[in-house]
Amino acid sequence: MGKMKRYKLTKKDMTTHGGFQWKIGKTYLANGEGDLCGKGWLHFYTSPLLAVLLNPTHANIVKPRLFLAECGGKTKNDHGLKIGHTKARLIKELPMPIVTPTQRVAFGILCAQKVYNEPTWAAWAAAWLEGDRTVAEAARAARAAWEEAWAAERVAAAAAARAARAAVAAAEAEWAAERAAETAAAWAARAAAASDFSLDKIAEEAIKY
């Protein structure tokens, strides 16, 4: 497999989970064994925007640094949320994209729209994206839909409804907005069956708001 451009977040001292130390120009190897979140994989994002948008639900690094990386070897994909490689080298540091709270909420809503189309919720989501930033009572029905689907073990439906509920929570600041928005994205990505579901494209769309 050829070399691919990826993006890496680190702490101020260029360490990541468990104190793993990164250096620019050094090649790192992993064995490709086990789950993506384990030590067998080197973790990256497919775009700078996704790195920033998904940080709160992943490493949750405070004041992270962003690096361009060159990756290869084996690859493992977590529904587009993050990518694992077995070979990687940091090339250079990049400026961190600036993302507003509104853009974070828009990201969560846009992701949920890909997998959840209950009419009342869909109408609320469309209105919010068009500028009506109120939160309709009916939009909270997404929570009831999630609970019902979960109890019935309809996993895909539950994941979709959970994404919709998280998007509402982000909009009404019931949870910390950034975490709720990224939770919506995560559940939507796992519920999606369409091959054209691209978090990169959705992130680019969200930045327009």
N, C-alpha and C. Protein backbone atom coordinates (compact mmCIF):
# COMPACT_ATOMS: atom_id res chain seq x y z
N MET A 1 0.84 -1.19 0.00
CA MET A 1 0.00 0.00 0.00
C MET A 1 0.88 1.24 0.00
N GLY A 2 0.53 2.24 -0.80
CA GLY A 2 1.33 3.45 -0.91
C GLY A 2 1.21 4.34 0.31
N LYS A 3 2.01 5.39 0.31
CA LYS A 3 2.01 6.34 1.42
C LYS A 3 0.79 7.24 1.34
N MET A 4 0.20 7.53 2.51
CA MET A 4 -1.00 8.35 2.57
C MET A 4 -0.81 9.49 3.56
N LYS A 5 -1.41 10.62 3.25
CA LYS A 5 -1.36 11.75 4.17
C LYS A 5 -2.43 11.59 5.24
N ARG A 6 -2.04 11.71 6.47
CA ARG A 6 -2.95 11.64 7.60
C ARG A 6 -2.62 12.78 8.56
N TYR A 7 -3.43 12.88 9.62
CA TYR A 7 -3.28 13.99 10.56
C TYR A 7 -3.30 13.47 11.99
N LYS A 8 -2.40 14.01 12.80
CA LYS A 8 -2.19 13.51 14.16
C LYS A 8 -2.29 14.65 15.17
N LEU A 9 -3.01 14.41 16.27
CA LEU A 9 -3.04 15.35 17.39
C LEU A 9 -2.14 14.83 18.50
N THR A 10 -1.39 15.73 19.10
CA THR A 10 -0.58 15.37 20.26
C THR A 10 -0.77 16.41 21.35
N LYS A 11 -0.25 16.11 22.52
CA LYS A 11 -0.21 17.09 23.59
C LYS A 11 0.89 18.09 23.31
N LYS A 12 1.02 19.07 24.16
CA LYS A 12 2.01 20.14 23.97
C LYS A 12 3.42 19.58 23.82
N ASP A 13 3.75 18.51 24.58
CA ASP A 13 5.09 17.91 24.54
C ASP A 13 5.23 16.83 23.48
N MET A 14 4.26 16.77 22.56
CA MET A 14 4.25 15.79 21.46
C MET A 14 4.09 14.36 21.94
N THR A 15 3.43 14.16 23.06
CA THR A 15 3.09 12.82 23.52
C THR A 15 1.60 12.58 23.28
N THR A 16 1.23 11.29 23.27
CA THR A 16 -0.17 10.90 23.15
C THR A 16 -0.49 9.93 24.28
N HIS A 17 -1.53 9.13 24.11
CA HIS A 17 -2.02 8.25 25.18
C HIS A 17 -0.89 7.38 25.75
N GLY A 18 -0.83 7.32 27.07
CA GLY A 18 0.17 6.50 27.73
C GLY A 18 1.55 7.09 27.72
N GLY A 19 1.67 8.37 27.30
CA GLY A 19 2.97 9.02 27.25
C GLY A 19 3.80 8.67 26.03
N PHE A 20 3.17 8.10 24.99
CA PHE A 20 3.90 7.74 23.77
C PHE A 20 4.50 9.00 23.16
N GLN A 21 5.79 8.99 22.91
CA GLN A 21 6.49 10.18 22.43
C GLN A 21 6.66 10.16 20.91
N TRP A 22 6.23 11.26 20.29
CA TRP A 22 6.38 11.43 18.85
C TRP A 22 7.48 12.44 18.57
N LYS A 23 8.15 12.26 17.43
CA LYS A 23 9.16 13.20 16.96
C LYS A 23 9.01 13.38 15.45
N ILE A 24 9.19 14.59 14.98
CA ILE A 24 9.10 14.84 13.54
C ILE A 24 10.26 14.14 12.83
N GLY A 25 9.93 13.45 11.75
CA GLY A 25 10.94 12.79 10.93
C GLY A 25 11.26 11.37 11.32
N LYS A 26 10.83 10.92 12.48
CA LYS A 26 11.11 9.56 12.93
C LYS A 26 10.01 8.61 12.46
N THR A 27 10.40 7.44 11.97
CA THR A 27 9.43 6.45 11.52
C THR A 27 9.04 5.53 12.67
N TYR A 28 7.74 5.35 12.83
CA TYR A 28 7.20 4.50 13.91
C TYR A 28 6.51 3.30 13.30
N LEU A 29 6.62 2.17 13.97
CA LEU A 29 6.02 0.93 13.49
C LEU A 29 5.12 0.32 14.56
N ALA A 30 4.06 -0.35 14.13
CA ALA A 30 3.18 -1.10 15.03
C ALA A 30 2.90 -2.44 14.38
N ASN A 31 2.40 -3.40 15.18
CA ASN A 31 2.26 -4.75 14.65
C ASN A 31 0.90 -5.05 14.00
N GLY A 32 -0.05 -4.12 14.12
CA GLY A 32 -1.35 -4.33 13.48
C GLY A 32 -2.22 -5.37 14.14
N GLU A 33 -1.94 -5.69 15.38
CA GLU A 33 -2.72 -6.69 16.09
C GLU A 33 -3.72 -6.05 17.05
N GLY A 34 -4.84 -6.71 17.26
CA GLY A 34 -5.82 -6.24 18.24
C GLY A 34 -6.73 -5.14 17.74
N ASP A 35 -7.47 -4.57 18.67
CA ASP A 35 -8.42 -3.51 18.36
C ASP A 35 -7.70 -2.23 17.97
N LEU A 36 -8.41 -1.38 17.24
CA LEU A 36 -7.82 -0.14 16.77
C LEU A 36 -7.36 0.75 17.91
N CYS A 37 -8.05 0.70 19.04
CA CYS A 37 -7.69 1.55 20.17
C CYS A 37 -6.49 1.01 20.96
N GLY A 38 -6.02 -0.17 20.59
CA GLY A 38 -4.92 -0.78 21.33
C GLY A 38 -3.55 -0.37 20.82
N LYS A 39 -2.52 -1.01 21.38
CA LYS A 39 -1.14 -0.67 21.07
C LYS A 39 -0.67 -1.18 19.70
N GLY A 40 -1.50 -2.00 19.07
CA GLY A 40 -1.10 -2.55 17.78
C GLY A 40 -1.25 -1.62 16.60
N TRP A 41 -1.80 -0.41 16.86
CA TRP A 41 -2.06 0.52 15.78
C TRP A 41 -1.62 1.94 16.13
N LEU A 42 -1.19 2.68 15.11
CA LEU A 42 -0.88 4.10 15.24
C LEU A 42 -2.10 4.85 14.72
N HIS A 43 -2.62 5.78 15.50
CA HIS A 43 -3.93 6.37 15.22
C HIS A 43 -3.84 7.75 14.56
N PHE A 44 -4.70 7.95 13.55
CA PHE A 44 -4.69 9.20 12.80
C PHE A 44 -6.10 9.59 12.36
N TYR A 45 -6.21 10.81 11.83
CA TYR A 45 -7.45 11.29 11.22
C TYR A 45 -7.21 11.55 9.75
N THR A 46 -8.29 11.56 8.99
CA THR A 46 -8.17 11.76 7.55
C THR A 46 -8.20 13.22 7.13
N SER A 47 -8.50 14.13 8.06
CA SER A 47 -8.46 15.56 7.74
C SER A 47 -8.20 16.36 9.01
N PRO A 48 -7.64 17.55 8.88
CA PRO A 48 -7.43 18.41 10.05
C PRO A 48 -8.73 18.75 10.77
N LEU A 49 -9.80 18.97 9.99
CA LEU A 49 -11.09 19.32 10.60
C LEU A 49 -11.63 18.18 11.45
N LEU A 50 -11.54 16.96 10.95
CA LEU A 50 -12.01 15.82 11.73
C LEU A 50 -11.20 15.66 13.00
N ALA A 51 -9.91 15.92 12.92
CA ALA A 51 -9.06 15.82 14.11
C ALA A 51 -9.57 16.74 15.20
N VAL A 52 -9.92 17.97 14.83
CA VAL A 52 -10.40 18.94 15.80
C VAL A 52 -11.81 18.60 16.27
N LEU A 53 -12.68 18.24 15.35
CA LEU A 53 -14.07 17.97 15.69
C LEU A 53 -14.24 16.72 16.56
N LEU A 54 -13.41 15.71 16.36
CA LEU A 54 -13.57 14.47 17.09
C LEU A 54 -12.68 14.35 18.32
N ASN A 55 -11.81 15.30 18.53
CA ASN A 55 -10.92 15.25 19.69
C ASN A 55 -11.66 15.10 21.03
N PRO A 56 -12.76 15.83 21.25
CA PRO A 56 -13.43 15.74 22.57
C PRO A 56 -13.91 14.34 22.93
N THR A 57 -14.29 13.53 21.94
CA THR A 57 -14.77 12.18 22.27
C THR A 57 -13.69 11.11 22.12
N HIS A 58 -12.51 11.50 21.70
CA HIS A 58 -11.41 10.56 21.60
C HIS A 58 -10.40 10.84 22.71
N ALA A 59 -9.28 11.45 22.37
CA ALA A 59 -8.24 11.69 23.38
C ALA A 59 -8.59 12.86 24.30
N ASN A 60 -9.42 13.78 23.80
CA ASN A 60 -9.80 14.97 24.58
C ASN A 60 -8.55 15.72 25.06
N ILE A 61 -7.65 15.98 24.14
CA ILE A 61 -6.41 16.68 24.45
C ILE A 61 -6.70 18.17 24.60
N VAL A 62 -6.24 18.74 25.69
CA VAL A 62 -6.39 20.18 25.93
C VAL A 62 -5.29 20.92 25.17
N LYS A 63 -5.69 21.88 24.36
CA LYS A 63 -4.74 22.65 23.55
C LYS A 63 -3.80 21.74 22.76
N PRO A 64 -4.38 20.91 21.89
CA PRO A 64 -3.56 19.96 21.13
C PRO A 64 -2.72 20.64 20.06
N ARG A 65 -1.72 19.91 19.59
CA ARG A 65 -0.93 20.31 18.43
C ARG A 65 -1.30 19.38 17.28
N LEU A 66 -1.25 19.90 16.06
CA LEU A 66 -1.66 19.15 14.89
C LEU A 66 -0.47 18.92 13.96
N PHE A 67 -0.32 17.69 13.48
CA PHE A 67 0.80 17.36 12.61
C PHE A 67 0.33 16.63 11.35
N LEU A 68 0.99 16.94 10.25
CA LEU A 68 0.80 16.19 9.01
C LEU A 68 1.69 14.95 9.09
N ALA A 69 1.13 13.80 8.72
CA ALA A 69 1.88 12.55 8.78
C ALA A 69 1.83 11.83 7.44
N GLU A 70 2.84 11.02 7.23
CA GLU A 70 2.91 10.14 6.07
C GLU A 70 2.78 8.72 6.59
N CYS A 71 1.74 8.00 6.14
CA CYS A 71 1.42 6.69 6.71
C CYS A 71 1.39 5.60 5.65
N GLY A 72 1.64 4.38 6.12
CA GLY A 72 1.59 3.23 5.23
C GLY A 72 1.40 1.95 6.02
N GLY A 73 1.76 0.83 5.43
CA GLY A 73 1.58 -0.45 6.10
C GLY A 73 0.13 -0.89 6.08
N LYS A 74 -0.24 -1.70 7.05
CA LYS A 74 -1.62 -2.14 7.18
C LYS A 74 -2.51 -0.99 7.64
N THR A 75 -3.79 -1.08 7.31
CA THR A 75 -4.74 -0.02 7.66
C THR A 75 -5.98 -0.61 8.31
N LYS A 76 -6.51 0.09 9.30
CA LYS A 76 -7.76 -0.30 9.94
C LYS A 76 -8.61 0.94 10.13
N ASN A 77 -9.88 0.85 9.73
CA ASN A 77 -10.75 2.03 9.71
C ASN A 77 -11.91 1.87 10.69
N ASP A 78 -12.08 2.85 11.56
CA ASP A 78 -13.19 2.84 12.51
C ASP A 78 -14.33 3.71 11.98
N HIS A 79 -15.03 3.21 10.95
CA HIS A 79 -16.20 3.90 10.40
C HIS A 79 -15.88 5.34 9.97
N GLY A 80 -14.63 5.61 9.62
CA GLY A 80 -14.25 6.96 9.22
C GLY A 80 -13.95 7.89 10.37
N LEU A 81 -14.15 7.41 11.60
CA LEU A 81 -13.91 8.26 12.77
C LEU A 81 -12.42 8.44 13.02
N LYS A 82 -11.66 7.39 12.86
CA LYS A 82 -10.21 7.44 12.94
C LYS A 82 -9.65 6.28 12.15
N ILE A 83 -8.37 6.39 11.81
CA ILE A 83 -7.71 5.41 10.98
C ILE A 83 -6.47 4.88 11.70
N GLY A 84 -6.26 3.58 11.63
CA GLY A 84 -5.06 3.00 12.20
C GLY A 84 -4.09 2.59 11.10
N HIS A 85 -2.80 2.81 11.33
CA HIS A 85 -1.75 2.37 10.40
C HIS A 85 -0.67 1.65 11.20
N THR A 86 0.12 0.87 10.50
CA THR A 86 1.22 0.18 11.16
C THR A 86 2.58 0.84 10.89
N LYS A 87 2.58 1.86 10.07
CA LYS A 87 3.82 2.59 9.79
C LYS A 87 3.48 4.06 9.60
N ALA A 88 4.24 4.95 10.25
CA ALA A 88 3.92 6.37 10.15
C ALA A 88 5.13 7.23 10.48
N ARG A 89 5.11 8.43 9.90
CA ARG A 89 6.16 9.41 10.17
C ARG A 89 5.54 10.79 10.16
N LEU A 90 5.75 11.58 11.21
CA LEU A 90 5.28 12.95 11.24
C LEU A 90 6.18 13.80 10.34
N ILE A 91 5.55 14.62 9.51
CA ILE A 91 6.31 15.43 8.55
C ILE A 91 6.51 16.86 9.04
N LYS A 92 5.42 17.50 9.48
CA LYS A 92 5.52 18.88 9.93
C LYS A 92 4.31 19.25 10.77
N GLU A 93 4.46 20.29 11.56
CA GLU A 93 3.34 20.79 12.36
C GLU A 93 2.48 21.72 11.51
N LEU A 94 1.18 21.68 11.76
CA LEU A 94 0.21 22.51 11.03
C LEU A 94 -0.56 23.40 12.00
N PRO A 95 -1.09 24.52 11.51
CA PRO A 95 -1.96 25.34 12.37
C PRO A 95 -3.26 24.61 12.67
N MET A 96 -3.76 24.77 13.88
CA MET A 96 -5.03 24.13 14.25
C MET A 96 -6.20 24.87 13.62
N PRO A 97 -7.12 24.16 12.95
CA PRO A 97 -8.33 24.81 12.45
C PRO A 97 -9.16 25.37 13.61
N ILE A 98 -9.77 26.50 13.39
CA ILE A 98 -10.64 27.10 14.40
C ILE A 98 -12.08 26.71 14.09
N VAL A 99 -12.73 26.07 15.04
CA VAL A 99 -14.12 25.60 14.85
C VAL A 99 -14.99 26.22 15.93
N THR A 100 -16.08 26.87 15.53
CA THR A 100 -16.97 27.53 16.47
C THR A 100 -17.97 26.54 17.07
N PRO A 101 -18.59 26.89 18.20
CA PRO A 101 -19.64 26.02 18.76
C PRO A 101 -20.77 25.75 17.78
N THR A 102 -21.18 26.76 17.01
CA THR A 102 -22.24 26.58 16.02
C THR A 102 -21.84 25.56 14.96
N GLN A 103 -20.60 25.62 14.53
CA GLN A 103 -20.12 24.67 13.54
C GLN A 103 -20.07 23.24 14.10
N ARG A 104 -19.75 23.12 15.37
CA ARG A 104 -19.73 21.81 16.00
C ARG A 104 -21.14 21.21 16.05
N VAL A 105 -22.11 22.03 16.41
CA VAL A 105 -23.49 21.55 16.45
C VAL A 105 -23.96 21.18 15.04
N ALA A 106 -23.63 22.02 14.07
CA ALA A 106 -24.00 21.73 12.69
C ALA A 106 -23.41 20.39 12.24
N PHE A 107 -22.19 20.12 12.64
CA PHE A 107 -21.55 18.84 12.30
C PHE A 107 -22.35 17.67 12.85
N GLY A 108 -22.76 17.77 14.10
CA GLY A 108 -23.55 16.70 14.70
C GLY A 108 -24.88 16.51 14.01
N ILE A 109 -25.56 17.61 13.68
CA ILE A 109 -26.86 17.52 13.01
C ILE A 109 -26.71 16.93 11.61
N LEU A 110 -25.72 17.42 10.87
CA LEU A 110 -25.51 16.93 9.50
C LEU A 110 -25.20 15.43 9.48
N CYS A 111 -24.45 14.97 10.47
CA CYS A 111 -24.17 13.53 10.56
C CYS A 111 -25.43 12.74 10.85
N ALA A 112 -26.21 13.22 11.83
CA ALA A 112 -27.44 12.51 12.19
C ALA A 112 -28.42 12.47 11.03
N GLN A 113 -28.46 13.52 10.23
CA GLN A 113 -29.37 13.56 9.08
C GLN A 113 -29.10 12.42 8.09
N LYS A 114 -27.88 11.92 8.06
CA LYS A 114 -27.54 10.85 7.13
C LYS A 114 -28.20 9.52 7.49
N VAL A 115 -28.58 9.38 8.75
CA VAL A 115 -29.06 8.07 9.20
C VAL A 115 -30.42 8.10 9.89
N TYR A 116 -30.97 9.30 10.13
CA TYR A 116 -32.21 9.39 10.91
C TYR A 116 -33.16 10.38 10.22
N ASN A 117 -34.36 9.93 9.89
CA ASN A 117 -35.28 10.77 9.12
C ASN A 117 -36.68 10.85 9.70
N GLU A 118 -36.83 10.61 11.00
CA GLU A 118 -38.15 10.78 11.62
C GLU A 118 -38.64 12.20 11.31
N PRO A 119 -39.87 12.37 10.79
CA PRO A 119 -40.32 13.65 10.24
C PRO A 119 -40.19 14.84 11.19
N THR A 120 -40.59 14.69 12.44
CA THR A 120 -40.54 15.82 13.37
C THR A 120 -39.11 16.24 13.63
N TRP A 121 -38.26 15.26 13.86
CA TRP A 121 -36.86 15.58 14.09
C TRP A 121 -36.23 16.19 12.84
N ALA A 122 -36.55 15.62 11.68
CA ALA A 122 -35.98 16.11 10.43
C ALA A 122 -36.36 17.56 10.17
N ALA A 123 -37.60 17.91 10.49
CA ALA A 123 -38.05 19.29 10.30
C ALA A 123 -37.30 20.24 11.24
N TRP A 124 -37.12 19.81 12.49
CA TRP A 124 -36.35 20.63 13.43
C TRP A 124 -34.92 20.82 12.95
N ALA A 125 -34.28 19.73 12.51
CA ALA A 125 -32.88 19.79 12.08
C ALA A 125 -32.72 20.74 10.90
N ALA A 126 -33.63 20.63 9.92
CA ALA A 126 -33.56 21.51 8.75
C ALA A 126 -33.74 22.96 9.15
N ALA A 127 -34.69 23.23 10.07
CA ALA A 127 -34.93 24.60 10.52
C ALA A 127 -33.71 25.15 11.25
N TRP A 128 -33.08 24.32 12.08
CA TRP A 128 -31.90 24.77 12.82
C TRP A 128 -30.78 25.15 11.86
N LEU A 129 -30.56 24.33 10.86
CA LEU A 129 -29.50 24.61 9.90
C LEU A 129 -29.80 25.84 9.05
N GLU A 130 -31.09 26.15 8.90
CA GLU A 130 -31.49 27.33 8.13
C GLU A 130 -31.49 28.60 8.97
N GLY A 131 -31.22 28.47 10.28
CA GLY A 131 -31.09 29.66 11.10
C GLY A 131 -32.02 29.75 12.29
N ASP A 132 -33.00 28.84 12.38
CA ASP A 132 -33.90 28.83 13.54
C ASP A 132 -33.23 28.01 14.64
N ARG A 133 -32.60 28.68 15.59
CA ARG A 133 -31.79 27.99 16.58
C ARG A 133 -32.56 27.64 17.85
N THR A 134 -33.88 27.58 17.76
CA THR A 134 -34.67 27.11 18.89
C THR A 134 -34.66 25.58 18.91
N VAL A 135 -35.04 25.03 20.02
CA VAL A 135 -35.10 23.57 20.15
C VAL A 135 -36.54 23.17 20.43
N ALA A 136 -37.18 22.58 19.45
CA ALA A 136 -38.59 22.21 19.60
C ALA A 136 -38.73 21.04 20.56
N GLU A 137 -39.78 21.06 21.33
CA GLU A 137 -40.05 19.96 22.26
C GLU A 137 -40.14 18.63 21.52
N ALA A 138 -40.74 18.66 20.36
CA ALA A 138 -40.94 17.42 19.60
C ALA A 138 -39.61 16.81 19.18
N ALA A 139 -38.57 17.63 19.04
CA ALA A 139 -37.28 17.10 18.62
C ALA A 139 -36.73 16.12 19.64
N ARG A 140 -37.13 16.25 20.89
CA ARG A 140 -36.62 15.36 21.93
C ARG A 140 -37.21 13.95 21.82
N ALA A 141 -38.14 13.79 20.91
CA ALA A 141 -38.70 12.45 20.69
C ALA A 141 -37.61 11.48 20.23
N ALA A 142 -36.51 12.00 19.75
CA ALA A 142 -35.41 11.13 19.33
C ALA A 142 -34.93 10.27 20.49
N ARG A 143 -35.00 10.79 21.69
CA ARG A 143 -34.56 10.01 22.85
C ARG A 143 -35.47 8.80 23.07
N ALA A 144 -36.77 9.05 22.95
CA ALA A 144 -37.72 7.95 23.13
C ALA A 144 -37.52 6.90 22.04
N ALA A 145 -37.23 7.35 20.82
CA ALA A 145 -37.01 6.42 19.72
C ALA A 145 -35.78 5.56 19.98
N TRP A 146 -34.74 6.19 20.52
CA TRP A 146 -33.53 5.45 20.84
C TRP A 146 -33.80 4.39 21.91
N GLU A 147 -34.50 4.79 22.97
CA GLU A 147 -34.78 3.86 24.06
C GLU A 147 -35.61 2.68 23.57
N GLU A 148 -36.59 2.96 22.72
CA GLU A 148 -37.44 1.90 22.19
C GLU A 148 -36.63 0.95 21.31
N ALA A 149 -35.82 1.50 20.41
CA ALA A 149 -35.04 0.67 19.51
C ALA A 149 -34.00 -0.15 20.27
N TRP A 150 -33.41 0.47 21.28
CA TRP A 150 -32.40 -0.22 22.07
C TRP A 150 -33.02 -1.42 22.81
N ALA A 151 -34.20 -1.18 23.39
CA ALA A 151 -34.87 -2.24 24.13
C ALA A 151 -35.25 -3.40 23.20
N ALA A 152 -35.56 -3.07 21.96
CA ALA A 152 -35.95 -4.10 20.99
C ALA A 152 -34.73 -4.70 20.28
N GLU A 153 -33.55 -4.27 20.67
CA GLU A 153 -32.29 -4.76 20.10
C GLU A 153 -32.20 -4.51 18.60
N ARG A 154 -32.79 -3.41 18.16
CA ARG A 154 -32.63 -2.98 16.77
C ARG A 154 -31.43 -2.04 16.75
N VAL A 155 -30.26 -2.62 16.63
CA VAL A 155 -29.02 -1.90 16.87
C VAL A 155 -28.83 -0.70 15.94
N ALA A 156 -29.02 -0.91 14.65
CA ALA A 156 -28.82 0.18 13.70
C ALA A 156 -29.79 1.33 13.96
N ALA A 157 -31.05 0.99 14.22
CA ALA A 157 -32.06 2.01 14.49
C ALA A 157 -31.73 2.75 15.78
N ALA A 158 -31.27 2.02 16.77
CA ALA A 158 -30.91 2.65 18.04
C ALA A 158 -29.74 3.60 17.86
N ALA A 159 -28.76 3.19 17.07
CA ALA A 159 -27.61 4.05 16.83
C ALA A 159 -28.02 5.32 16.11
N ALA A 160 -28.91 5.19 15.12
CA ALA A 160 -29.37 6.36 14.38
C ALA A 160 -30.14 7.32 15.29
N ALA A 161 -31.03 6.77 16.11
CA ALA A 161 -31.80 7.60 17.03
C ALA A 161 -30.89 8.24 18.08
N ARG A 162 -29.88 7.50 18.49
CA ARG A 162 -28.92 8.05 19.46
C ARG A 162 -28.17 9.23 18.86
N ALA A 163 -27.82 9.14 17.59
CA ALA A 163 -27.17 10.25 16.90
C ALA A 163 -28.07 11.48 16.87
N ALA A 164 -29.36 11.24 16.58
CA ALA A 164 -30.31 12.35 16.53
C ALA A 164 -30.48 12.99 17.90
N ARG A 165 -30.57 12.16 18.92
CA ARG A 165 -30.72 12.68 20.29
C ARG A 165 -29.50 13.49 20.70
N ALA A 166 -28.31 13.01 20.34
CA ALA A 166 -27.09 13.74 20.69
C ALA A 166 -27.03 15.07 19.96
N ALA A 167 -27.51 15.12 18.72
CA ALA A 167 -27.53 16.37 17.97
C ALA A 167 -28.43 17.40 18.65
N VAL A 168 -29.59 16.95 19.13
CA VAL A 168 -30.48 17.85 19.87
C VAL A 168 -29.81 18.33 21.14
N ALA A 169 -29.15 17.42 21.84
CA ALA A 169 -28.46 17.79 23.08
C ALA A 169 -27.39 18.83 22.83
N ALA A 170 -26.70 18.70 21.72
CA ALA A 170 -25.67 19.69 21.38
C ALA A 170 -26.30 21.06 21.15
N ALA A 171 -27.43 21.07 20.44
CA ALA A 171 -28.08 22.33 20.11
C ALA A 171 -28.65 23.04 21.34
N GLU A 172 -29.16 22.27 22.27
CA GLU A 172 -29.77 22.88 23.45
C GLU A 172 -28.80 22.98 24.62
N ALA A 173 -27.54 22.59 24.36
CA ALA A 173 -26.49 22.66 25.39
C ALA A 173 -26.87 21.88 26.64
N GLU A 174 -27.64 20.81 26.43
CA GLU A 174 -27.98 19.95 27.55
C GLU A 174 -26.72 19.22 28.04
N TRP A 175 -25.88 18.85 27.08
CA TRP A 175 -24.56 18.33 27.39
C TRP A 175 -23.56 19.41 26.99
N ALA A 176 -22.30 19.22 27.28
CA ALA A 176 -21.29 20.10 26.71
C ALA A 176 -21.43 20.00 25.20
N ALA A 177 -21.63 21.11 24.54
CA ALA A 177 -21.97 21.11 23.12
C ALA A 177 -20.96 20.35 22.27
N GLU A 178 -19.68 20.52 22.55
CA GLU A 178 -18.70 19.87 21.70
C GLU A 178 -18.74 18.35 21.83
N ARG A 179 -18.92 17.86 23.05
CA ARG A 179 -18.99 16.41 23.23
C ARG A 179 -20.27 15.83 22.62
N ALA A 180 -21.37 16.53 22.77
CA ALA A 180 -22.63 16.04 22.22
C ALA A 180 -22.57 15.98 20.70
N ALA A 181 -21.99 17.01 20.08
CA ALA A 181 -21.91 17.04 18.62
C ALA A 181 -21.06 15.89 18.10
N GLU A 182 -19.93 15.64 18.76
CA GLU A 182 -19.07 14.55 18.31
C GLU A 182 -19.69 13.18 18.59
N THR A 183 -20.48 13.10 19.68
CA THR A 183 -21.19 11.85 19.96
C THR A 183 -22.20 11.56 18.86
N ALA A 184 -22.87 12.60 18.38
CA ALA A 184 -23.81 12.42 17.27
C ALA A 184 -23.09 11.88 16.05
N ALA A 185 -21.91 12.42 15.77
CA ALA A 185 -21.14 11.96 14.61
C ALA A 185 -20.74 10.50 14.78
N ALA A 186 -20.30 10.14 15.97
CA ALA A 186 -19.84 8.78 16.21
C ALA A 186 -20.96 7.77 16.03
N TRP A 187 -22.13 8.05 16.60
CA TRP A 187 -23.26 7.12 16.48
C TRP A 187 -23.76 7.06 15.04
N ALA A 188 -23.77 8.21 14.37
CA ALA A 188 -24.22 8.22 12.97
C ALA A 188 -23.29 7.40 12.10
N ALA A 189 -22.00 7.54 12.32
CA ALA A 189 -21.03 6.79 11.51
C ALA A 189 -21.22 5.30 11.69
N ARG A 190 -21.52 4.87 12.90
CA ARG A 190 -21.70 3.45 13.16
C ARG A 190 -23.03 2.93 12.63
N ALA A 191 -24.01 3.84 12.50
CA ALA A 191 -25.32 3.41 12.00
C ALA A 191 -25.38 3.42 10.48
N ALA A 192 -24.46 4.14 9.84
CA ALA A 192 -24.54 4.36 8.40
C ALA A 192 -24.27 3.09 7.61
N ALA A 193 -25.06 2.90 6.58
CA ALA A 193 -24.84 1.77 5.68
C ALA A 193 -24.46 2.27 4.29
N ALA A 194 -24.77 3.55 4.01
CA ALA A 194 -24.50 4.10 2.68
C ALA A 194 -23.00 4.25 2.44
N SER A 195 -22.57 3.84 1.26
CA SER A 195 -21.15 3.89 0.95
C SER A 195 -20.63 5.32 0.78
N ASP A 196 -21.55 6.27 0.56
CA ASP A 196 -21.11 7.64 0.34
C ASP A 196 -21.10 8.47 1.63
N PHE A 197 -21.24 7.82 2.75
CA PHE A 197 -21.21 8.53 4.03
C PHE A 197 -19.76 8.92 4.31
N SER A 198 -19.46 10.20 4.19
CA SER A 198 -18.09 10.68 4.36
C SER A 198 -18.04 11.74 5.45
N LEU A 199 -17.39 11.43 6.56
CA LEU A 199 -17.26 12.41 7.62
C LEU A 199 -16.42 13.60 7.19
N ASP A 200 -15.44 13.37 6.32
CA ASP A 200 -14.63 14.47 5.82
C ASP A 200 -15.50 15.51 5.11
N LYS A 201 -16.39 15.02 4.24
CA LYS A 201 -17.26 15.94 3.49
C LYS A 201 -18.23 16.66 4.42
N ILE A 202 -18.75 15.94 5.41
CA ILE A 202 -19.68 16.56 6.36
C ILE A 202 -18.97 17.63 7.17
N ALA A 203 -17.74 17.38 7.57
CA ALA A 203 -16.97 18.37 8.33
C ALA A 203 -16.78 19.63 7.49
N GLU A 204 -16.48 19.47 6.22
CA GLU A 204 -16.32 20.63 5.34
C GLU A 204 -17.62 21.41 5.20
N GLU A 205 -18.74 20.69 5.16
CA GLU A 205 -20.06 21.34 5.07
C GLU A 205 -20.37 22.09 6.36
N ALA A 206 -20.03 21.51 7.50
CA ALA A 206 -20.34 22.12 8.80
C ALA A 206 -19.62 23.45 8.99
N ILE A 207 -18.45 23.58 8.41
CA ILE A 207 -17.66 24.79 8.59
C ILE A 207 -18.31 25.99 7.89
N LYS A 208 -19.28 25.75 7.04
CA LYS A 208 -19.97 26.84 6.34
C LYS A 208 -20.95 27.55 7.25
N TYR A 209 -21.27 26.96 8.39
CA TYR A 209 -22.30 27.54 9.26
C TYR A 209 -21.68 28.51 10.25
